[in-house]
N, C-alpha and C. Protein backbone atom coordinates (compact mmCIF):
# COMPACT_ATOMS: atom_id res chain seq x y z
N MET A 1 0.83 -1.19 0.00
CA MET A 1 0.00 0.00 0.00
C MET A 1 0.87 1.25 0.00
N ASN A 2 1.94 1.23 0.79
CA ASN A 2 2.85 2.37 0.89
C ASN A 2 3.50 2.66 -0.47
N THR A 3 3.84 1.62 -1.23
CA THR A 3 4.43 1.77 -2.54
C THR A 3 3.42 2.40 -3.50
N PHE A 4 2.16 1.97 -3.40
CA PHE A 4 1.11 2.52 -4.24
C PHE A 4 0.97 4.02 -4.01
N ILE A 5 1.02 4.46 -2.80
CA ILE A 5 0.90 5.90 -2.47
C ILE A 5 2.07 6.67 -3.05
N LYS A 6 3.26 6.12 -2.97
CA LYS A 6 4.44 6.79 -3.53
C LYS A 6 4.33 6.92 -5.06
N ILE A 7 3.89 5.86 -5.71
CA ILE A 7 3.72 5.90 -7.18
C ILE A 7 2.63 6.88 -7.56
N PHE A 8 1.53 6.86 -6.83
CA PHE A 8 0.42 7.78 -7.09
C PHE A 8 0.88 9.23 -6.91
N ALA A 9 1.63 9.51 -5.87
CA ALA A 9 2.13 10.87 -5.60
C ALA A 9 3.07 11.32 -6.71
N ALA A 10 3.93 10.42 -7.17
CA ALA A 10 4.87 10.75 -8.25
C ALA A 10 4.11 11.04 -9.54
N ALA A 11 3.11 10.24 -9.85
CA ALA A 11 2.31 10.46 -11.06
C ALA A 11 1.55 11.79 -10.98
N LEU A 12 1.02 12.08 -9.81
CA LEU A 12 0.31 13.34 -9.60
C LEU A 12 1.25 14.53 -9.79
N MET A 13 2.45 14.44 -9.30
CA MET A 13 3.43 15.52 -9.45
C MET A 13 3.81 15.70 -10.92
N LEU A 14 3.94 14.60 -11.67
CA LEU A 14 4.23 14.69 -13.09
C LEU A 14 3.10 15.37 -13.84
N CYS A 15 1.87 15.05 -13.49
CA CYS A 15 0.72 15.69 -14.13
C CYS A 15 0.71 17.20 -13.86
N ILE A 16 0.95 17.57 -12.64
CA ILE A 16 0.96 18.99 -12.27
C ILE A 16 2.09 19.72 -13.01
N ALA A 17 3.26 19.09 -13.10
CA ALA A 17 4.39 19.70 -13.80
C ALA A 17 4.09 19.87 -15.28
N SER A 18 3.44 18.88 -15.91
CA SER A 18 3.14 18.99 -17.34
C SER A 18 2.10 20.07 -17.60
N VAL A 19 1.14 20.23 -16.71
CA VAL A 19 0.15 21.30 -16.85
C VAL A 19 0.83 22.66 -16.73
N ALA A 20 1.75 22.78 -15.78
CA ALA A 20 2.48 24.05 -15.60
C ALA A 20 3.32 24.37 -16.84
N LEU A 21 3.97 23.37 -17.43
CA LEU A 21 4.76 23.58 -18.63
C LEU A 21 3.88 23.97 -19.81
N ALA A 22 2.72 23.35 -19.93
CA ALA A 22 1.79 23.67 -21.02
C ALA A 22 1.32 25.11 -20.88
N GLN A 23 1.03 25.55 -19.67
CA GLN A 23 0.58 26.93 -19.45
C GLN A 23 1.70 27.91 -19.78
N GLU A 24 2.93 27.56 -19.43
CA GLU A 24 4.08 28.42 -19.74
C GLU A 24 4.26 28.56 -21.24
N LYS A 25 4.09 27.45 -21.98
CA LYS A 25 4.21 27.49 -23.44
C LYS A 25 3.08 28.34 -24.03
N LYS A 26 1.87 28.20 -23.51
CA LYS A 26 0.73 28.99 -23.99
C LYS A 26 1.00 30.47 -23.76
N ASP A 27 1.51 30.83 -22.59
CA ASP A 27 1.83 32.23 -22.28
C ASP A 27 2.89 32.76 -23.23
N SER A 28 3.88 31.95 -23.56
CA SER A 28 4.94 32.34 -24.48
C SER A 28 4.38 32.61 -25.87
N VAL A 29 3.48 31.74 -26.34
CA VAL A 29 2.85 31.92 -27.65
C VAL A 29 2.01 33.20 -27.65
N MET A 30 1.28 33.45 -26.58
CA MET A 30 0.45 34.65 -26.49
C MET A 30 1.31 35.92 -26.51
N LYS A 31 2.43 35.91 -25.82
CA LYS A 31 3.32 37.08 -25.84
C LYS A 31 3.86 37.31 -27.24
N GLU A 32 4.20 36.24 -27.95
CA GLU A 32 4.71 36.35 -29.32
C GLU A 32 3.63 36.93 -30.24
N THR A 33 2.39 36.50 -30.04
CA THR A 33 1.27 36.98 -30.85
C THR A 33 1.02 38.46 -30.60
N MET A 34 1.27 38.93 -29.39
CA MET A 34 0.98 40.31 -29.03
C MET A 34 2.06 41.29 -29.50
N LYS A 35 3.17 40.80 -30.03
CA LYS A 35 4.22 41.70 -30.52
C LYS A 35 3.76 42.41 -31.78
N SER A 36 4.19 43.65 -31.93
CA SER A 36 3.88 44.40 -33.15
C SER A 36 4.62 43.79 -34.32
N HIS A 37 3.94 43.73 -35.44
CA HIS A 37 4.58 43.25 -36.65
C HIS A 37 3.93 43.90 -37.85
N SER A 38 4.55 43.74 -38.98
CA SER A 38 4.09 44.35 -40.23
C SER A 38 3.59 43.27 -41.17
N MET A 39 2.47 43.56 -41.84
CA MET A 39 1.93 42.65 -42.84
C MET A 39 1.59 43.45 -44.08
N THR A 40 1.91 42.93 -45.24
CA THR A 40 1.58 43.59 -46.50
C THR A 40 0.54 42.75 -47.22
N GLY A 41 -0.57 43.40 -47.55
CA GLY A 41 -1.65 42.70 -48.23
C GLY A 41 -2.64 43.71 -48.80
N TYR A 42 -3.81 43.22 -49.18
CA TYR A 42 -4.81 44.08 -49.80
C TYR A 42 -5.83 44.54 -48.77
N LEU A 43 -6.07 45.83 -48.74
CA LEU A 43 -7.07 46.42 -47.86
C LEU A 43 -8.45 46.08 -48.40
N SER A 44 -9.33 45.61 -47.53
CA SER A 44 -10.67 45.22 -47.96
C SER A 44 -11.66 45.49 -46.84
N ASP A 45 -12.91 45.69 -47.24
CA ASP A 45 -13.97 45.74 -46.24
C ASP A 45 -14.37 44.30 -45.92
N LYS A 46 -14.95 44.11 -44.74
CA LYS A 46 -15.31 42.76 -44.31
C LYS A 46 -16.38 42.16 -45.21
N MET A 47 -17.35 42.98 -45.64
CA MET A 47 -18.46 42.47 -46.44
C MET A 47 -17.97 41.83 -47.74
N CYS A 48 -16.99 42.42 -48.39
CA CYS A 48 -16.48 41.90 -49.66
C CYS A 48 -15.37 40.86 -49.48
N SER A 49 -14.81 40.79 -48.29
CA SER A 49 -13.61 39.97 -48.07
C SER A 49 -13.80 38.49 -48.39
N LYS A 50 -15.00 37.97 -48.26
CA LYS A 50 -15.23 36.54 -48.50
C LYS A 50 -14.86 36.14 -49.93
N ARG A 51 -14.97 37.09 -50.86
CA ARG A 51 -14.65 36.81 -52.27
C ARG A 51 -13.14 36.71 -52.49
N PHE A 52 -12.34 37.19 -51.54
CA PHE A 52 -10.89 37.29 -51.73
C PHE A 52 -10.09 36.25 -50.95
N LEU A 53 -10.77 35.29 -50.35
CA LEU A 53 -10.08 34.29 -49.53
C LEU A 53 -9.54 33.16 -50.40
N GLY A 54 -8.58 32.46 -49.88
CA GLY A 54 -7.98 31.33 -50.59
C GLY A 54 -6.93 31.75 -51.59
N GLU A 55 -6.42 30.77 -52.32
CA GLU A 55 -5.32 31.00 -53.26
C GLU A 55 -5.70 31.92 -54.41
N GLU A 56 -6.92 31.81 -54.90
CA GLU A 56 -7.34 32.61 -56.05
C GLU A 56 -7.82 34.00 -55.66
N GLY A 57 -7.93 34.26 -54.38
CA GLY A 57 -8.47 35.53 -53.90
C GLY A 57 -7.58 36.74 -54.13
N LYS A 58 -6.28 36.53 -54.21
CA LYS A 58 -5.34 37.64 -54.34
C LYS A 58 -5.62 38.47 -55.60
N ALA A 59 -5.83 37.82 -56.72
CA ALA A 59 -6.11 38.54 -57.98
C ALA A 59 -7.42 39.30 -57.89
N LYS A 60 -8.41 38.70 -57.23
CA LYS A 60 -9.70 39.39 -57.05
C LYS A 60 -9.54 40.58 -56.11
N ALA A 61 -8.76 40.41 -55.05
CA ALA A 61 -8.55 41.50 -54.09
C ALA A 61 -7.86 42.68 -54.75
N ALA A 62 -6.96 42.42 -55.68
CA ALA A 62 -6.24 43.50 -56.37
C ALA A 62 -7.20 44.34 -57.22
N LYS A 63 -8.30 43.73 -57.66
CA LYS A 63 -9.27 44.44 -58.48
C LYS A 63 -10.34 45.16 -57.67
N HIS A 64 -10.41 44.88 -56.37
CA HIS A 64 -11.42 45.51 -55.51
C HIS A 64 -11.22 47.02 -55.52
N THR A 65 -12.30 47.76 -55.69
CA THR A 65 -12.18 49.21 -55.87
C THR A 65 -12.34 49.99 -54.57
N LYS A 66 -11.72 51.13 -54.56
CA LYS A 66 -11.85 52.07 -53.46
C LYS A 66 -13.31 52.48 -53.32
N ALA A 67 -13.98 52.74 -54.45
CA ALA A 67 -15.39 53.17 -54.42
C ALA A 67 -16.26 52.14 -53.71
N CYS A 68 -16.04 50.86 -53.99
CA CYS A 68 -16.80 49.81 -53.33
C CYS A 68 -16.53 49.81 -51.83
N ALA A 69 -15.25 49.87 -51.45
CA ALA A 69 -14.87 49.82 -50.04
C ALA A 69 -15.43 51.00 -49.24
N LEU A 70 -15.70 52.11 -49.93
CA LEU A 70 -16.23 53.30 -49.25
C LEU A 70 -17.76 53.38 -49.29
N GLU A 71 -18.44 52.43 -49.95
CA GLU A 71 -19.90 52.42 -49.92
C GLU A 71 -20.36 52.21 -48.48
N ASP A 72 -21.52 52.74 -48.15
CA ASP A 72 -22.01 52.71 -46.77
C ASP A 72 -21.99 51.32 -46.14
N GLY A 73 -22.58 50.34 -46.82
CA GLY A 73 -22.64 48.99 -46.27
C GLY A 73 -21.27 48.38 -46.05
N CYS A 74 -20.39 48.60 -47.02
CA CYS A 74 -19.03 48.06 -46.91
C CYS A 74 -18.26 48.75 -45.79
N LYS A 75 -18.40 50.06 -45.73
CA LYS A 75 -17.69 50.83 -44.69
C LYS A 75 -18.18 50.43 -43.30
N GLN A 76 -19.48 50.23 -43.15
CA GLN A 76 -20.04 49.86 -41.85
C GLN A 76 -19.64 48.45 -41.42
N SER A 77 -19.31 47.59 -42.38
CA SER A 77 -18.90 46.22 -42.02
C SER A 77 -17.51 46.20 -41.40
N GLY A 78 -16.74 47.27 -41.59
CA GLY A 78 -15.39 47.33 -41.05
C GLY A 78 -14.36 46.90 -42.09
N TYR A 79 -13.11 47.09 -41.74
CA TYR A 79 -12.02 46.80 -42.68
C TYR A 79 -11.05 45.79 -42.11
N GLY A 80 -10.22 45.29 -43.00
CA GLY A 80 -9.19 44.35 -42.61
C GLY A 80 -8.21 44.15 -43.75
N LEU A 81 -7.33 43.19 -43.58
CA LEU A 81 -6.27 42.94 -44.54
C LEU A 81 -6.39 41.53 -45.10
N ILE A 82 -6.33 41.43 -46.41
CA ILE A 82 -6.25 40.12 -47.07
C ILE A 82 -4.76 39.78 -47.15
N PHE A 83 -4.35 38.77 -46.42
CA PHE A 83 -2.95 38.37 -46.36
C PHE A 83 -2.88 36.85 -46.34
N ASP A 84 -2.13 36.29 -47.26
CA ASP A 84 -1.91 34.85 -47.30
C ASP A 84 -3.23 34.08 -47.36
N GLY A 85 -4.18 34.62 -48.14
CA GLY A 85 -5.45 33.94 -48.35
C GLY A 85 -6.45 34.04 -47.22
N LYS A 86 -6.14 34.87 -46.22
CA LYS A 86 -7.03 35.02 -45.05
C LYS A 86 -7.37 36.49 -44.85
N PHE A 87 -8.45 36.74 -44.11
CA PHE A 87 -8.88 38.10 -43.79
C PHE A 87 -8.58 38.37 -42.32
N TYR A 88 -7.82 39.43 -42.05
CA TYR A 88 -7.48 39.83 -40.70
C TYR A 88 -8.24 41.11 -40.38
N LYS A 89 -9.26 41.00 -39.54
CA LYS A 89 -10.14 42.12 -39.19
C LYS A 89 -9.41 43.12 -38.32
N PHE A 90 -9.62 44.43 -38.63
CA PHE A 90 -9.03 45.51 -37.85
C PHE A 90 -9.90 45.83 -36.64
N ASP A 91 -9.28 46.42 -35.63
CA ASP A 91 -10.03 46.96 -34.50
C ASP A 91 -10.68 48.28 -34.92
N ALA A 92 -11.41 48.93 -34.02
CA ALA A 92 -12.12 50.17 -34.36
C ALA A 92 -11.16 51.27 -34.82
N ALA A 93 -10.01 51.39 -34.17
CA ALA A 93 -9.02 52.40 -34.59
C ALA A 93 -8.50 52.09 -35.99
N GLY A 94 -8.30 50.81 -36.29
CA GLY A 94 -7.85 50.39 -37.61
C GLY A 94 -8.90 50.66 -38.68
N ASP A 95 -10.18 50.46 -38.33
CA ASP A 95 -11.26 50.78 -39.27
C ASP A 95 -11.23 52.27 -39.63
N LYS A 96 -11.00 53.10 -38.63
CA LYS A 96 -10.94 54.55 -38.87
C LYS A 96 -9.74 54.90 -39.75
N MET A 97 -8.58 54.30 -39.46
CA MET A 97 -7.38 54.56 -40.26
C MET A 97 -7.58 54.08 -41.70
N ALA A 98 -8.24 52.94 -41.87
CA ALA A 98 -8.49 52.40 -43.21
C ALA A 98 -9.40 53.33 -44.00
N ALA A 99 -10.45 53.85 -43.35
CA ALA A 99 -11.36 54.78 -44.03
C ALA A 99 -10.62 56.05 -44.44
N GLU A 100 -9.75 56.54 -43.56
CA GLU A 100 -8.95 57.73 -43.87
C GLU A 100 -7.99 57.44 -45.02
N TYR A 101 -7.37 56.27 -45.00
CA TYR A 101 -6.47 55.89 -46.08
C TYR A 101 -7.23 55.86 -47.41
N LEU A 102 -8.37 55.20 -47.42
CA LEU A 102 -9.17 55.08 -48.64
C LEU A 102 -9.62 56.44 -49.15
N SER A 103 -10.01 57.31 -48.25
CA SER A 103 -10.46 58.65 -48.66
C SER A 103 -9.31 59.47 -49.23
N GLY A 104 -8.10 59.22 -48.77
CA GLY A 104 -6.96 60.02 -49.19
C GLY A 104 -6.14 59.49 -50.35
N THR A 105 -6.29 58.19 -50.65
CA THR A 105 -5.46 57.62 -51.71
C THR A 105 -5.98 57.98 -53.10
N LYS A 106 -5.05 58.08 -54.03
CA LYS A 106 -5.43 58.34 -55.42
C LYS A 106 -5.70 57.05 -56.17
N LYS A 107 -5.35 55.93 -55.58
CA LYS A 107 -5.58 54.64 -56.20
C LYS A 107 -7.08 54.37 -56.30
N GLU A 108 -7.48 53.74 -57.38
CA GLU A 108 -8.89 53.34 -57.54
C GLU A 108 -9.08 51.85 -57.22
N ASN A 109 -8.00 51.08 -57.35
CA ASN A 109 -8.01 49.66 -56.99
C ASN A 109 -6.56 49.27 -56.66
N ASN A 110 -6.27 47.97 -56.59
CA ASN A 110 -4.93 47.51 -56.22
C ASN A 110 -4.48 48.17 -54.92
N LEU A 111 -5.31 48.03 -53.89
CA LEU A 111 -5.11 48.70 -52.61
C LEU A 111 -4.14 47.91 -51.72
N LEU A 112 -2.91 47.75 -52.24
CA LEU A 112 -1.86 47.04 -51.52
C LEU A 112 -1.28 47.96 -50.46
N VAL A 113 -1.36 47.51 -49.20
CA VAL A 113 -0.91 48.35 -48.08
C VAL A 113 -0.02 47.56 -47.14
N GLU A 114 0.74 48.31 -46.36
CA GLU A 114 1.51 47.72 -45.27
C GLU A 114 0.84 48.15 -43.97
N VAL A 115 0.48 47.18 -43.15
CA VAL A 115 -0.19 47.45 -41.89
C VAL A 115 0.74 47.03 -40.75
N VAL A 116 0.94 47.93 -39.80
CA VAL A 116 1.71 47.61 -38.61
C VAL A 116 0.73 47.54 -37.45
N GLY A 117 0.84 46.47 -36.67
CA GLY A 117 -0.05 46.30 -35.52
C GLY A 117 0.26 45.01 -34.81
N GLN A 118 -0.66 44.62 -33.96
CA GLN A 118 -0.49 43.37 -33.23
C GLN A 118 -1.82 42.65 -33.14
N MET A 119 -1.75 41.34 -33.20
CA MET A 119 -2.96 40.53 -33.12
C MET A 119 -3.44 40.47 -31.68
N ASP A 120 -4.74 40.63 -31.52
CA ASP A 120 -5.39 40.53 -30.21
C ASP A 120 -6.60 39.62 -30.40
N GLY A 121 -6.39 38.35 -30.20
CA GLY A 121 -7.44 37.38 -30.49
C GLY A 121 -7.63 37.29 -31.99
N SER A 122 -8.84 37.53 -32.46
CA SER A 122 -9.11 37.44 -33.89
C SER A 122 -9.02 38.78 -34.59
N GLN A 123 -8.71 39.86 -33.85
CA GLN A 123 -8.61 41.19 -34.44
C GLN A 123 -7.17 41.68 -34.44
N MET A 124 -6.90 42.59 -35.36
CA MET A 124 -5.59 43.22 -35.41
C MET A 124 -5.71 44.63 -34.87
N LYS A 125 -4.95 44.93 -33.83
CA LYS A 125 -4.87 46.29 -33.30
C LYS A 125 -3.90 47.05 -34.20
N VAL A 126 -4.43 47.97 -34.98
CA VAL A 126 -3.65 48.64 -36.01
C VAL A 126 -2.95 49.87 -35.45
N ALA A 127 -1.65 49.98 -35.73
CA ALA A 127 -0.87 51.16 -35.36
C ALA A 127 -0.72 52.10 -36.55
N SER A 128 -0.60 51.52 -37.76
CA SER A 128 -0.46 52.36 -38.96
C SER A 128 -0.82 51.59 -40.22
N ILE A 129 -1.25 52.35 -41.22
CA ILE A 129 -1.54 51.80 -42.55
C ILE A 129 -0.86 52.74 -43.55
N LYS A 130 -0.07 52.15 -44.44
CA LYS A 130 0.55 52.98 -45.47
C LYS A 130 0.59 52.23 -46.79
N ASP A 131 0.77 52.97 -47.83
CA ASP A 131 0.81 52.42 -49.18
C ASP A 131 2.05 51.55 -49.34
N ALA A 132 1.87 50.31 -49.74
CA ALA A 132 3.00 49.38 -49.90
C ALA A 132 3.65 49.50 -51.26
N VAL A 133 2.95 49.98 -52.26
CA VAL A 133 3.50 50.07 -53.61
C VAL A 133 4.67 51.04 -53.66
N VAL A 134 4.66 52.07 -52.82
CA VAL A 134 5.75 53.05 -52.79
C VAL A 134 7.07 52.33 -52.57
N LYS A 135 7.11 51.38 -51.66
CA LYS A 135 8.34 50.62 -51.42
C LYS A 135 8.78 49.87 -52.67
N MET A 136 7.83 49.27 -53.36
CA MET A 136 8.16 48.52 -54.57
C MET A 136 8.71 49.44 -55.65
N GLU A 137 8.13 50.62 -55.81
CA GLU A 137 8.59 51.57 -56.81
C GLU A 137 10.02 52.02 -56.51
N LYS A 138 10.32 52.24 -55.23
CA LYS A 138 11.68 52.64 -54.86
C LYS A 138 12.68 51.55 -55.22
N LYS A 139 12.32 50.30 -54.97
CA LYS A 139 13.21 49.18 -55.32
C LYS A 139 13.41 49.13 -56.83
N MET A 140 12.35 49.38 -57.58
CA MET A 140 12.45 49.35 -59.03
C MET A 140 13.34 50.48 -59.54
N GLU A 141 13.25 51.66 -58.93
CA GLU A 141 14.09 52.80 -59.33
C GLU A 141 15.56 52.46 -59.09
N LYS A 142 15.86 51.82 -57.95
CA LYS A 142 17.24 51.45 -57.64
C LYS A 142 17.78 50.48 -58.68
N SER A 143 16.97 49.50 -59.07
CA SER A 143 17.46 48.51 -60.03
C SER A 143 17.62 49.11 -61.42
N ASP A 144 16.83 50.14 -61.76
CA ASP A 144 16.98 50.81 -63.04
C ASP A 144 18.29 51.58 -63.12
N LYS A 145 18.77 52.08 -62.00
CA LYS A 145 20.01 52.88 -61.97
C LYS A 145 21.26 52.01 -62.10
N MET A 146 21.12 50.72 -61.79
CA MET A 146 22.29 49.83 -61.82
C MET A 146 22.67 49.43 -63.18
């Protein structure tokens, strides 16, 4: 009986240790997720975003127009980023920044942007949105000079 208690206590301690390690790993993943990072993709409203998901969605997202994204229903649905075949919904501050970006850009479609922010659950807390094509044009200018 005494041996059984020792084995049971050891097994219980192993279970507690594995739960503690699992929680530590989960906390580490959550901290990594909360770090600010940059993503480049197509700006879209949530209502239209379903058409741009998956592998074939990128070409469709490039054709999505600013006029559509600024329509009342689309604007009210909120904004997000089409990246790697998925839609990343912005928080309220990001929705406001996206509307300002759309109102100010001269582009009519091909709304490729760089978004800096951090994931908070299923939403992206947006710190900034800027035109991503500008970076590409600068790279092209450099290669033309060589």
